[in-house]
Amino acid sequence: MPGLLLRNARIWTGDPARPRAEAALVRDGRFVWVGREAEMTAPSGIDTIDAGGRLVLPGFTDGHAHLLGTGDAKRSVDLKDVPSVEEAARRVAERVARTPARGWVRGAGWDQNLWPEQRFPHRRDLDAVALDHPVVLAHTSGHCVWVNTAAIRAANVTRETADPPGGAIDRDGGGEPSGVLRDRAAQLVYQALPKPSHQDRIASLETAIANAHRLGVTGVHAMDVGRGELAAMRALHRSGRLRLRTRAFLSARSFDAWIDERARTRDGDDLLRIGGLKFFADGALGSLTAWMLDPYENTSDRGLPLQPPADLERDVRRSLEAGLAPAIHAIGDRANREVLGILERTRDIAPELPRRVEHAQLLTHQDLPRFAALGVAVSGQPIHATQDMAKVDRSWGARGRYAYAFASLLASGTTLAFGSDTPVETMSPIAGLHAAVTRRNARGEPPGGWYPDERIPLDAALAAYTSGCARAVREEATLGRIAPNCHADFVVLSQDIFALPDPMQIKETAITMTAVSGEIVFTSMSS
């Protein structure tokens, strides 16, 4: 094959041995040469990309993405940033009007913290616009749902229904389900939903993949992947339509089935591969189910574990013994402490497998250095810091000093793998870079940054979206850099983010080209 020449570029390679370059040569989907343009003679007949002097980076990896959920969310009612219960209900009413009689209506993204009363909603708020259509709306955190009476009836949830382990059914003053089901209680409703077809899943994945390409994402660590989602991923791969480097972290809900099928970390190929098994230690900040050492501010509530720690440890041991690397969701400081203890006690089982904690949102000063000491990567989402800072201040108070403590983790030697938790937040790595470097939201608040000591340099943030994600799955030899033998995944930016006079301007950067294995999958550049 003649290959591809990328030239007239300002390349940040992510390779400490040669951090900057002007040109790169690609053959068979990999970089074979990177350096100064004057140092090479282009092979005849080669395809050429003239970057026009723009900044070129290794392709971004989203280190924590719900790929199927992202596609589903984009095909359902969008409740992101709705300012009130009334606006959410209005959007649901619009979808109800286009939905066949008694058909289910789904949506995602609501956040009661943005509403004037900051109260959790009631099923009556939805009954007013959807009496006969069951409605299920996922919270922005993904850790609770808001449903109407028709959905409650379809799920056979009554006042006598007990809270399931690791979940809670909110109830009104009369003891009836109010319409909010938290964490594992949400499964009561999800089990009543009509099952999506194989083609539905494929359509949602294609929607999510196209969105990733527009945002410069060339790879994802896809979390909580179920059997149907994995089958759809494999079908897309066989047809040549995946074109997104995917590491699938399998859902522990099908734990026994994965074990029986002998699924193993690294099964697959360079495009689609098993990453490990996804576990949950606790809930989330937004739903007040993150598991805490001390109560939430002005309450006696400490959140909840989603399974007893002894059971989680048993399952982590089984996972490691079966050859599946654990990726454990932990938000609250109690959850993180318990998870670190489990990983410490299991460190000698299958030491060749990577370990990681998803989110690690709130830590104590004492637990911060334990990640590096145990060789545990932190899969963090910088966009959460700037989106959730008001929630942290309100619910965790002064403990927020060690929330999203990226600079402290880096200083201790921890590997950071950045992502978005899409569809909880935007998948855009540009938004994540801005958050990590400034600790300010899009409006520039607060001036100087929220807990500014936890800001990190731009090159460190870029590394967390590229080589850090590769290290978290132990593929740093071939991913996350623009260097010989690495996969030719790269992005071209609209401006040089290293040269900006104000880091707030990072958020104004656009993706002008995305390439996976040297194949252009998105471009807005003129030929």
Protein backbone atom coordinates (compact mmCIF):
# COMPACT_ATOMS: atom_id res chain seq x y z
CA MET A 1 0.00 0.00 0.00
CA PRO A 2 1.31 3.50 -0.82
CA GLY A 3 0.43 4.80 2.65
CA LEU A 4 -0.20 8.35 3.84
CA LEU A 5 1.99 11.38 4.46
CA LEU A 6 0.92 13.96 7.03
CA ARG A 7 2.90 17.15 6.43
CA ASN A 8 3.05 20.88 7.16
CA ALA A 9 1.95 20.12 10.71
CA ARG A 10 2.82 21.19 14.22
CA ILE A 11 2.79 17.75 15.81
CA TRP A 12 2.68 17.18 19.56
CA THR A 13 3.72 13.55 19.56
CA GLY A 14 3.16 12.63 23.20
CA ASP A 15 6.53 10.84 22.88
CA PRO A 16 9.06 12.15 25.44
CA ALA A 17 11.92 11.00 23.21
CA ARG A 18 10.77 13.34 20.43
CA PRO A 19 7.96 15.62 21.64
CA ARG A 20 7.60 17.74 18.48
CA ALA A 21 7.57 16.97 14.77
CA GLU A 22 6.44 18.40 11.44
CA ALA A 23 5.52 15.32 9.43
CA ALA A 24 4.62 11.66 9.79
CA LEU A 25 4.44 8.71 7.42
CA VAL A 26 1.76 6.03 7.77
CA ARG A 27 1.75 2.51 6.30
CA ASP A 28 -0.73 -0.26 7.01
CA GLY A 29 -2.46 1.83 9.64
CA ARG A 30 0.63 2.60 11.72
CA PHE A 31 3.16 5.40 11.92
CA VAL A 32 6.44 4.26 10.41
CA TRP A 33 8.33 7.55 10.52
CA VAL A 34 7.90 10.82 12.47
CA GLY A 35 10.19 13.83 12.25
CA ARG A 36 11.13 17.07 10.48
CA GLU A 37 9.75 17.43 6.99
CA ALA A 38 13.15 18.31 5.59
CA GLU A 39 14.50 14.96 6.80
CA MET A 40 12.40 12.82 4.48
CA THR A 41 11.64 12.29 0.81
CA ALA A 42 8.00 11.41 0.25
CA PRO A 43 7.44 8.11 -1.57
CA SER A 44 5.92 8.53 -5.02
CA GLY A 45 2.17 8.12 -5.39
CA ILE A 46 1.51 8.54 -1.69
CA ASP A 47 -1.67 10.19 -0.40
CA THR A 48 -0.88 13.45 1.37
CA ILE A 49 -2.63 15.46 4.08
CA ASP A 50 -1.47 19.05 4.31
CA ALA A 51 -2.32 20.14 7.86
CA GLY A 52 -1.88 23.81 6.95
CA GLY A 53 0.42 24.44 9.89
CA ARG A 54 -2.23 23.33 12.37
CA LEU A 55 -1.64 21.48 15.61
CA VAL A 56 -1.83 17.68 15.30
CA LEU A 57 -2.24 15.45 18.34
CA PRO A 58 -2.53 11.72 18.98
CA GLY A 59 -6.18 10.75 18.74
CA PHE A 60 -8.09 11.28 21.95
CA THR A 61 -9.29 8.26 23.91
CA ASP A 62 -12.36 8.60 26.10
CA GLY A 63 -11.30 6.55 29.11
CA HIS A 64 -14.83 6.13 30.47
CA ALA A 65 -17.72 6.15 28.03
CA HIS A 66 -21.10 4.48 27.90
CA LEU A 67 -21.16 4.05 24.16
CA LEU A 68 -24.56 2.44 23.70
CA GLY A 69 -26.05 4.79 26.29
CA THR A 70 -24.66 7.78 24.40
CA GLY A 71 -26.34 6.68 21.19
CA ASP A 72 -29.57 5.90 23.03
CA ALA A 73 -29.53 9.32 24.71
CA LYS A 74 -29.10 11.09 21.39
CA ARG A 75 -32.10 9.19 20.05
CA SER A 76 -34.33 9.92 23.08
CA VAL A 77 -35.67 13.01 24.91
CA ASP A 78 -32.75 15.31 25.71
CA LEU A 79 -33.12 16.72 29.22
CA LYS A 80 -29.57 17.99 29.60
CA ASP A 81 -29.52 21.39 31.33
CA VAL A 82 -33.31 21.72 31.46
CA PRO A 83 -33.95 24.54 33.98
CA SER A 84 -37.15 23.24 35.57
CA VAL A 85 -39.52 20.33 36.07
CA GLU A 86 -42.00 22.12 33.81
CA GLU A 87 -39.55 22.32 30.89
CA ALA A 88 -38.68 18.66 31.29
CA ALA A 89 -42.38 17.74 31.22
CA ARG A 90 -42.91 19.92 28.14
CA ARG A 91 -40.20 18.07 26.23
CA VAL A 92 -41.70 14.75 27.27
CA ALA A 93 -45.11 15.93 26.06
CA GLU A 94 -43.64 16.68 22.63
CA ARG A 95 -42.30 13.14 22.37
CA VAL A 96 -45.54 11.62 23.67
CA ALA A 97 -47.41 13.33 20.84
CA ARG A 98 -45.20 11.46 18.32
CA THR A 99 -45.27 8.08 20.08
CA PRO A 100 -47.82 5.33 19.36
CA ALA A 101 -50.47 4.72 22.01
CA ARG A 102 -49.05 3.18 25.18
CA GLY A 103 -45.55 3.20 23.72
CA TRP A 104 -42.66 3.83 26.09
CA VAL A 105 -40.97 7.24 26.15
CA ARG A 106 -37.33 7.44 27.24
CA GLY A 107 -35.13 10.38 28.07
CA ALA A 108 -31.96 11.31 29.93
CA GLY A 109 -30.01 14.17 31.45
CA TRP A 110 -32.26 15.83 34.06
CA ASP A 111 -30.65 17.28 37.16
CA GLN A 112 -32.74 18.57 40.02
CA ASN A 113 -29.82 20.69 41.22
CA LEU A 114 -30.46 23.06 38.28
CA TRP A 115 -34.11 23.63 39.23
CA PRO A 116 -35.35 26.53 41.39
CA GLU A 117 -36.53 24.29 44.26
CA GLN A 118 -33.72 21.73 43.79
CA ARG A 119 -36.20 19.02 44.70
CA PHE A 120 -36.42 15.56 43.25
CA PRO A 121 -39.44 15.34 40.94
CA HIS A 122 -42.65 13.36 41.43
CA ARG A 123 -44.47 10.97 39.09
CA ARG A 124 -47.40 13.43 39.05
CA ASP A 125 -45.20 15.92 37.18
CA LEU A 126 -45.10 13.42 34.30
CA ASP A 127 -48.65 12.09 34.68
CA ALA A 128 -49.91 15.53 33.66
CA VAL A 129 -48.43 15.05 30.16
CA ALA A 130 -48.23 11.26 29.85
CA LEU A 131 -51.09 9.38 31.46
CA ASP A 132 -51.02 6.24 29.30
CA HIS A 133 -47.47 6.26 27.92
CA PRO A 134 -44.93 4.77 30.36
CA VAL A 135 -42.09 7.29 30.78
CA VAL A 136 -38.60 6.57 32.13
CA LEU A 137 -36.08 9.41 32.39
CA ALA A 138 -32.49 8.79 33.52
CA HIS A 139 -30.80 11.28 35.84
CA THR A 140 -27.72 13.02 34.49
CA SER A 141 -25.60 10.88 36.83
CA GLY A 142 -27.13 7.67 35.50
CA HIS A 143 -27.80 6.62 39.09
CA CYS A 144 -31.52 7.19 39.38
CA VAL A 145 -34.61 7.39 37.18
CA TRP A 146 -37.76 9.49 37.21
CA VAL A 147 -40.86 7.68 36.01
CA ASN A 148 -44.58 8.24 35.74
CA THR A 149 -47.43 6.18 37.17
CA ALA A 150 -47.83 4.16 33.98
CA ALA A 151 -44.19 3.05 34.19
CA ILE A 152 -44.52 2.19 37.88
CA ARG A 153 -47.54 0.03 37.09
CA ALA A 154 -45.77 -1.64 34.17
CA ALA A 155 -42.91 -2.52 36.53
CA ASN A 156 -45.31 -3.78 39.22
CA VAL A 157 -43.79 -1.46 41.81
CA THR A 158 -46.19 -0.79 44.70
CA ARG A 159 -46.05 0.54 48.23
CA GLU A 160 -45.33 -3.03 49.35
CA THR A 161 -42.27 -3.38 47.07
CA ALA A 162 -39.15 -3.55 49.21
CA ASP A 163 -36.03 -1.56 48.40
CA PRO A 164 -33.64 -3.93 46.58
CA PRO A 165 -30.08 -4.34 47.86
CA GLY A 166 -28.02 -1.39 46.62
CA GLY A 167 -31.07 0.67 45.67
CA ALA A 168 -33.89 2.78 47.05
CA ILE A 169 -37.46 3.60 46.02
CA ASP A 170 -38.38 7.15 46.99
CA ARG A 171 -41.81 7.33 48.62
CA ASP A 172 -44.21 10.17 49.26
CA GLY A 173 -45.88 11.07 52.55
CA GLY A 174 -48.48 8.36 52.04
CA GLY A 175 -45.87 5.64 51.50
CA GLU A 176 -46.52 5.35 47.76
CA PRO A 177 -43.64 5.29 45.24
CA SER A 178 -42.99 8.91 44.34
CA GLY A 179 -41.53 8.20 40.90
CA VAL A 180 -37.79 8.33 41.67
CA LEU A 181 -35.89 5.05 41.89
CA ARG A 182 -32.24 5.15 42.88
CA ASP A 183 -29.39 2.96 41.69
CA ARG A 184 -30.35 -0.72 41.62
CA ALA A 185 -34.01 0.06 42.22
CA ALA A 186 -34.02 1.53 38.70
CA GLN A 187 -33.60 -2.00 37.36
CA LEU A 188 -37.19 -2.69 38.43
CA VAL A 189 -38.32 -0.32 35.69
CA TYR A 190 -35.61 -1.12 33.15
CA GLN A 191 -36.62 -4.78 33.28
CA ALA A 192 -40.11 -3.78 32.17
CA LEU A 193 -38.88 -1.86 29.12
CA PRO A 194 -39.32 -3.50 25.73
CA LYS A 195 -35.99 -5.08 24.82
CA PRO A 196 -34.12 -3.23 22.07
CA SER A 197 -33.45 -5.22 18.95
CA HIS A 198 -30.01 -6.01 17.59
CA GLN A 199 -30.57 -3.41 14.88
CA ASP A 200 -31.64 -0.83 17.51
CA ARG A 201 -28.32 -1.33 19.28
CA ILE A 202 -26.35 -1.07 16.06
CA ALA A 203 -28.13 2.17 15.17
CA SER A 204 -27.39 3.65 18.60
CA LEU A 205 -23.73 2.63 18.43
CA GLU A 206 -23.35 4.18 14.98
CA THR A 207 -24.87 7.41 16.30
CA ALA A 208 -22.40 7.41 19.19
CA ILE A 209 -19.42 6.61 16.95
CA ALA A 210 -20.22 9.45 14.56
CA ASN A 211 -20.44 11.79 17.54
CA ALA A 212 -17.05 10.57 18.80
CA HIS A 213 -15.41 11.23 15.44
CA ARG A 214 -16.76 14.80 15.32
CA LEU A 215 -15.20 15.41 18.72
CA GLY A 216 -11.78 13.99 17.88
CA VAL A 217 -12.24 10.74 19.79
CA THR A 218 -10.50 7.81 18.11
CA GLY A 219 -10.83 5.30 20.94
CA VAL A 220 -13.06 4.54 23.90
CA HIS A 221 -12.99 2.47 27.03
CA ALA A 222 -16.64 1.43 26.82
CA MET A 223 -18.03 0.77 30.28
CA ASP A 224 -20.64 -1.65 31.57
CA VAL A 225 -20.98 -3.41 28.22
CA GLY A 226 -23.77 -5.96 28.17
CA ARG A 227 -24.11 -9.02 26.00
CA GLY A 228 -26.34 -7.30 23.44
CA GLU A 229 -24.03 -4.30 23.16
CA LEU A 230 -20.97 -6.50 22.69
CA ALA A 231 -22.78 -8.48 19.98
CA ALA A 232 -23.64 -5.22 18.19
CA MET A 233 -20.02 -4.02 18.47
CA ARG A 234 -18.80 -7.26 16.97
CA ALA A 235 -21.31 -7.03 14.14
CA LEU A 236 -20.15 -3.49 13.33
CA HIS A 237 -16.54 -4.67 13.44
CA ARG A 238 -17.21 -7.56 11.06
CA SER A 239 -18.88 -5.19 8.61
CA GLY A 240 -16.00 -2.67 8.79
CA ARG A 241 -18.18 0.04 10.34
CA LEU A 242 -16.77 0.18 13.88
CA ARG A 243 -13.83 2.51 13.07
CA LEU A 244 -13.42 3.40 16.75
CA ARG A 245 -10.72 1.70 18.82
CA THR A 246 -12.85 0.11 21.51
CA ARG A 247 -11.89 -1.55 24.78
CA ALA A 248 -15.02 -3.16 26.19
CA PHE A 249 -15.36 -3.38 29.97
CA LEU A 250 -18.04 -5.97 30.49
CA SER A 251 -21.03 -5.58 32.79
CA ALA A 252 -20.78 -7.54 36.02
CA ARG A 253 -24.52 -8.19 35.75
CA SER A 254 -23.57 -11.04 33.40
CA PHE A 255 -20.56 -12.08 35.49
CA ASP A 256 -21.25 -15.83 35.47
CA ALA A 257 -21.94 -15.86 31.73
CA TRP A 258 -18.64 -14.09 30.95
CA ILE A 259 -16.79 -16.59 33.13
CA ASP A 260 -18.54 -19.54 31.48
CA GLU A 261 -17.67 -18.16 28.04
CA ARG A 262 -14.03 -17.74 29.09
CA ALA A 263 -13.97 -14.04 28.23
CA ARG A 264 -10.53 -12.65 28.97
CA THR A 265 -8.88 -9.26 29.08
CA ARG A 266 -7.13 -8.62 25.72
CA ASP A 267 -9.39 -11.00 23.80
CA GLY A 268 -9.99 -9.53 20.34
CA ASP A 269 -7.81 -7.43 18.06
CA ASP A 270 -6.36 -3.94 17.81
CA LEU A 271 -9.76 -2.40 17.03
CA LEU A 272 -12.12 -4.25 19.38
CA ARG A 273 -10.80 -5.91 22.49
CA ILE A 274 -12.05 -6.94 25.94
CA GLY A 275 -10.74 -4.50 28.53
CA GLY A 276 -12.00 -6.10 31.71
CA LEU A 277 -15.00 -6.32 34.02
CA LYS A 278 -16.86 -3.29 35.39
CA PHE A 279 -17.93 -3.29 39.05
CA PHE A 280 -19.81 -0.73 41.17
CA ALA A 281 -18.87 0.06 44.76
CA ASP A 282 -21.40 2.86 45.30
CA GLY A 283 -23.80 5.30 43.64
CA ALA A 284 -23.25 8.93 42.65
CA LEU A 285 -23.05 12.44 44.04
CA GLY A 286 -26.02 13.74 42.02
CA SER A 287 -28.37 11.10 43.40
CA LEU A 288 -26.80 11.38 46.90
CA THR A 289 -25.93 7.68 46.83
CA ALA A 290 -22.12 7.99 46.81
CA TRP A 291 -20.84 6.12 49.88
CA MET A 292 -19.30 8.46 52.42
CA LEU A 293 -17.13 8.18 55.52
CA ASP A 294 -19.11 11.02 57.11
CA PRO A 295 -22.64 12.21 56.34
CA TYR A 296 -23.49 14.60 53.55
CA GLU A 297 -23.53 18.18 54.76
CA ASN A 298 -26.50 18.98 57.02
CA THR A 299 -27.83 15.41 56.88
CA SER A 300 -27.32 12.08 58.62
CA ASP A 301 -27.11 10.28 55.26
CA ARG A 302 -23.90 8.54 54.20
CA GLY A 303 -25.09 7.19 50.82
CA LEU A 304 -24.90 3.47 50.19
CA PRO A 305 -22.71 0.65 48.90
CA LEU A 306 -24.19 -1.14 45.91
CA GLN A 307 -23.08 -4.46 47.34
CA PRO A 308 -21.44 -5.45 50.63
CA PRO A 309 -17.67 -4.93 50.45
CA ALA A 310 -17.05 -8.62 51.23
CA ASP A 311 -19.16 -9.58 48.21
CA LEU A 312 -17.34 -7.07 46.01
CA GLU A 313 -13.98 -8.47 47.14
CA ARG A 314 -15.15 -12.00 46.39
CA ASP A 315 -16.17 -10.94 42.88
CA VAL A 316 -12.94 -9.03 42.23
CA ARG A 317 -10.97 -12.13 43.23
CA ARG A 318 -13.05 -14.28 40.88
CA SER A 319 -12.57 -11.76 38.10
CA LEU A 320 -8.79 -11.70 38.46
CA GLU A 321 -8.58 -15.47 38.73
CA ALA A 322 -10.60 -15.74 35.50
CA GLY A 323 -8.29 -13.34 33.63
CA LEU A 324 -10.55 -10.27 33.64
CA ALA A 325 -9.07 -6.96 34.81
CA PRO A 326 -11.31 -5.14 37.34
CA ALA A 327 -12.49 -1.58 36.74
CA ILE A 328 -14.34 -0.44 39.88
CA HIS A 329 -16.69 2.53 40.08
CA ALA A 330 -16.08 4.46 43.31
CA ILE A 331 -17.34 8.00 43.97
CA GLY A 332 -17.45 8.65 47.73
CA ASP A 333 -14.45 8.64 50.06
CA ARG A 334 -15.72 5.52 51.89
CA ALA A 335 -16.18 3.68 48.60
CA ASN A 336 -12.67 4.60 47.44
CA ARG A 337 -11.12 3.49 50.73
CA GLU A 338 -12.93 0.16 50.60
CA VAL A 339 -11.93 -0.40 46.96
CA LEU A 340 -8.28 0.41 47.62
CA GLY A 341 -8.34 -2.10 50.45
CA ILE A 342 -9.76 -4.76 48.15
CA LEU A 343 -7.16 -4.04 45.48
CA GLU A 344 -4.39 -4.15 48.06
CA ARG A 345 -5.52 -7.54 49.37
CA THR A 346 -5.78 -8.94 45.83
CA ARG A 347 -2.61 -7.40 44.41
CA ASP A 348 -0.82 -10.77 44.11
CA ILE A 349 -3.57 -12.38 42.01
CA ALA A 350 -2.84 -12.12 38.27
CA PRO A 351 -0.40 -9.21 38.67
CA GLU A 352 -0.07 -8.95 34.88
CA LEU A 353 -3.62 -7.58 34.70
CA PRO A 354 -4.16 -3.82 35.12
CA ARG A 355 -6.31 -2.44 37.91
CA ARG A 356 -8.28 0.81 37.80
CA VAL A 357 -10.79 2.85 39.75
CA GLU A 358 -13.48 4.64 37.79
CA HIS A 359 -14.11 8.27 38.88
CA ALA A 360 -12.34 8.31 42.29
CA GLN A 361 -14.22 11.56 42.77
CA LEU A 362 -13.68 12.14 46.48
CA LEU A 363 -10.59 11.00 48.32
CA THR A 364 -9.01 11.61 51.68
CA HIS A 365 -5.48 12.96 51.99
CA GLN A 366 -4.41 9.61 53.49
CA ASP A 367 -5.75 7.58 50.55
CA LEU A 368 -4.34 9.74 47.75
CA PRO A 369 -0.89 8.08 47.53
CA ARG A 370 -2.30 4.54 47.68
CA PHE A 371 -3.23 4.47 43.98
CA ALA A 372 0.35 4.89 42.81
CA ALA A 373 1.68 2.57 45.52
CA LEU A 374 -0.69 -0.17 44.32
CA GLY A 375 -0.20 0.54 40.60
CA VAL A 376 -3.90 1.41 40.26
CA ALA A 377 -4.89 3.83 37.49
CA VAL A 378 -7.52 6.50 38.08
CA SER A 379 -10.07 6.84 35.30
CA GLY A 380 -11.14 10.43 35.93
CA GLN A 381 -13.48 12.87 34.22
CA PRO A 382 -12.29 16.49 34.51
CA ILE A 383 -15.58 17.82 33.12
CA HIS A 384 -17.26 16.51 36.28
CA ALA A 385 -15.17 18.88 38.38
CA THR A 386 -16.48 22.04 36.73
CA GLN A 387 -20.02 20.74 36.23
CA ASP A 388 -20.39 19.40 39.77
CA MET A 389 -18.44 21.92 41.85
CA ALA A 390 -21.60 23.54 43.27
CA LYS A 391 -22.97 20.09 44.20
CA VAL A 392 -19.67 19.25 45.88
CA ASP A 393 -19.67 22.48 47.88
CA ARG A 394 -23.27 21.91 48.93
CA SER A 395 -23.05 18.18 49.72
CA TRP A 396 -19.43 17.59 50.74
CA GLY A 397 -18.36 21.01 52.03
CA ALA A 398 -14.66 21.37 52.89
CA ARG A 399 -14.06 17.73 51.95
CA GLY A 400 -14.22 18.97 48.35
CA ARG A 401 -10.56 19.96 48.63
CA TYR A 402 -9.74 16.42 47.54
CA ALA A 403 -12.50 16.04 44.98
CA TYR A 404 -11.22 15.44 41.43
CA ALA A 405 -7.72 15.78 42.89
CA PHE A 406 -5.88 15.37 39.60
CA ALA A 407 -2.77 17.40 40.43
CA SER A 408 -2.33 15.61 43.74
CA LEU A 409 -2.76 12.23 42.07
CA LEU A 410 -0.21 13.12 39.39
CA ALA A 411 2.26 14.34 41.99
CA SER A 412 1.97 10.98 43.75
CA GLY A 413 2.79 9.14 40.50
CA THR A 414 -0.70 7.88 39.66
CA THR A 415 -1.58 7.10 36.05
CA LEU A 416 -4.52 9.27 34.96
CA ALA A 417 -6.81 8.11 32.18
CA PHE A 418 -9.23 10.90 31.30
CA GLY A 419 -12.71 10.50 29.85
CA SER A 420 -16.20 11.95 29.99
CA ASP A 421 -18.72 9.44 31.39
CA THR A 422 -20.82 10.24 28.33
CA PRO A 423 -23.84 10.54 28.16
CA VAL A 424 -23.60 11.95 31.69
CA GLU A 425 -21.47 14.79 30.26
CA THR A 426 -20.34 15.79 26.79
CA MET A 427 -17.84 13.44 25.21
CA SER A 428 -15.74 16.41 24.04
CA PRO A 429 -12.08 16.06 25.11
CA ILE A 430 -11.68 19.77 24.38
CA ALA A 431 -14.19 20.53 27.14
CA GLY A 432 -12.33 18.12 29.40
CA LEU A 433 -8.95 19.71 28.67
CA HIS A 434 -10.37 23.13 29.45
CA ALA A 435 -11.76 21.87 32.77
CA ALA A 436 -8.54 20.11 33.78
CA VAL A 437 -6.30 23.09 32.99
CA THR A 438 -8.52 25.90 34.33
CA ARG A 439 -10.88 24.31 36.91
CA ARG A 440 -13.40 26.90 35.65
CA ASN A 441 -16.72 26.36 33.90
CA ALA A 442 -17.56 27.69 30.45
CA ARG A 443 -18.60 31.03 31.98
CA GLY A 444 -15.17 31.38 33.59
CA GLU A 445 -16.40 30.69 37.11
CA PRO A 446 -14.91 30.82 39.65
CA PRO A 447 -12.14 33.31 38.80
CA GLY A 448 -8.80 31.63 39.35
CA GLY A 449 -10.35 28.18 39.36
CA TRP A 450 -12.16 25.91 41.83
CA TYR A 451 -9.51 24.51 44.18
CA PRO A 452 -6.89 25.84 41.75
CA ASP A 453 -4.09 23.77 43.30
CA GLU A 454 -5.64 20.80 41.46
CA ARG A 455 -5.21 22.39 38.02
CA ILE A 456 -2.79 20.46 35.83
CA PRO A 457 -0.58 21.59 32.91
CA LEU A 458 -1.89 21.22 29.37
CA ASP A 459 0.65 18.59 28.35
CA ALA A 460 -0.29 16.49 31.40
CA ALA A 461 -3.98 16.77 30.54
CA LEU A 462 -3.28 15.77 26.93
CA ALA A 463 -1.26 12.80 28.13
CA ALA A 464 -4.19 11.69 30.31
CA TYR A 465 -6.42 11.63 27.20
CA THR A 466 -3.84 9.74 25.12
CA SER A 467 -0.91 7.81 26.58
CA GLY A 468 -2.52 7.65 30.03
CA CYS A 469 -5.51 5.80 28.62
CA ALA A 470 -3.12 3.48 26.79
CA ARG A 471 -1.20 2.75 30.02
CA ALA A 472 -4.46 2.02 31.84
CA VAL A 473 -5.00 -0.94 29.50
CA ARG A 474 -1.26 -1.67 29.17
CA GLU A 475 -1.09 -0.84 25.48
CA GLU A 476 1.30 2.10 25.73
CA ALA A 477 3.71 0.51 23.24
CA THR A 478 1.23 0.96 20.37
CA LEU A 479 -1.36 3.55 21.43
CA GLY A 480 -1.52 7.15 22.60
CA ARG A 481 1.49 8.60 20.77
CA ILE A 482 2.53 9.72 17.32
CA ALA A 483 5.62 7.54 17.07
CA PRO A 484 6.89 4.67 14.94
CA ASN A 485 4.93 1.42 15.41
CA CYS A 486 1.99 3.20 17.04
CA HIS A 487 -1.46 3.03 15.48
CA ALA A 488 -2.02 6.06 13.23
CA ASP A 489 -4.85 7.62 15.23
CA PHE A 490 -4.62 11.41 15.16
CA VAL A 491 -6.61 14.65 15.24
CA VAL A 492 -6.05 18.08 13.72
CA LEU A 493 -7.17 21.11 15.75
CA SER A 494 -8.40 24.48 14.57
CA GLN A 495 -5.87 26.35 16.72
CA ASP A 496 -2.65 25.72 18.61
CA ILE A 497 -3.85 25.31 22.19
CA PHE A 498 -0.24 25.58 23.44
CA ALA A 499 0.05 29.12 22.05
CA LEU A 500 -3.13 30.61 23.52
CA PRO A 501 -2.66 33.70 25.72
CA ASP A 502 -5.55 32.63 27.96
CA PRO A 503 -6.30 28.95 28.71
CA MET A 504 -10.01 29.82 28.80
CA GLN A 505 -9.70 29.95 25.00
CA ILE A 506 -9.11 26.20 24.87
CA LYS A 507 -12.88 25.68 24.87
CA GLU A 508 -13.15 27.59 21.57
CA THR A 509 -11.05 24.97 19.76
CA ALA A 510 -12.69 22.87 17.05
CA ILE A 511 -11.73 19.49 15.64
CA THR A 512 -10.95 19.84 11.94
CA MET A 513 -9.93 16.25 11.20
CA THR A 514 -10.06 12.86 12.89
CA ALA A 515 -8.24 9.77 11.61
CA VAL A 516 -8.26 6.17 12.84
CA SER A 517 -5.50 3.87 11.55
CA GLY A 518 -4.66 6.59 9.04
CA GLU A 519 -8.22 6.62 7.64
CA ILE A 520 -10.01 9.96 7.77
CA VAL A 521 -13.29 9.41 9.62
CA PHE A 522 -14.22 13.09 10.03
CA THR A 523 -13.07 16.32 8.43
CA SER A 524 -14.19 19.90 8.13
CA MET A 525 -11.00 20.93 6.30
CA SER A 526 -11.29 22.05 2.71
CA SER A 527 -9.36 19.93 0.24
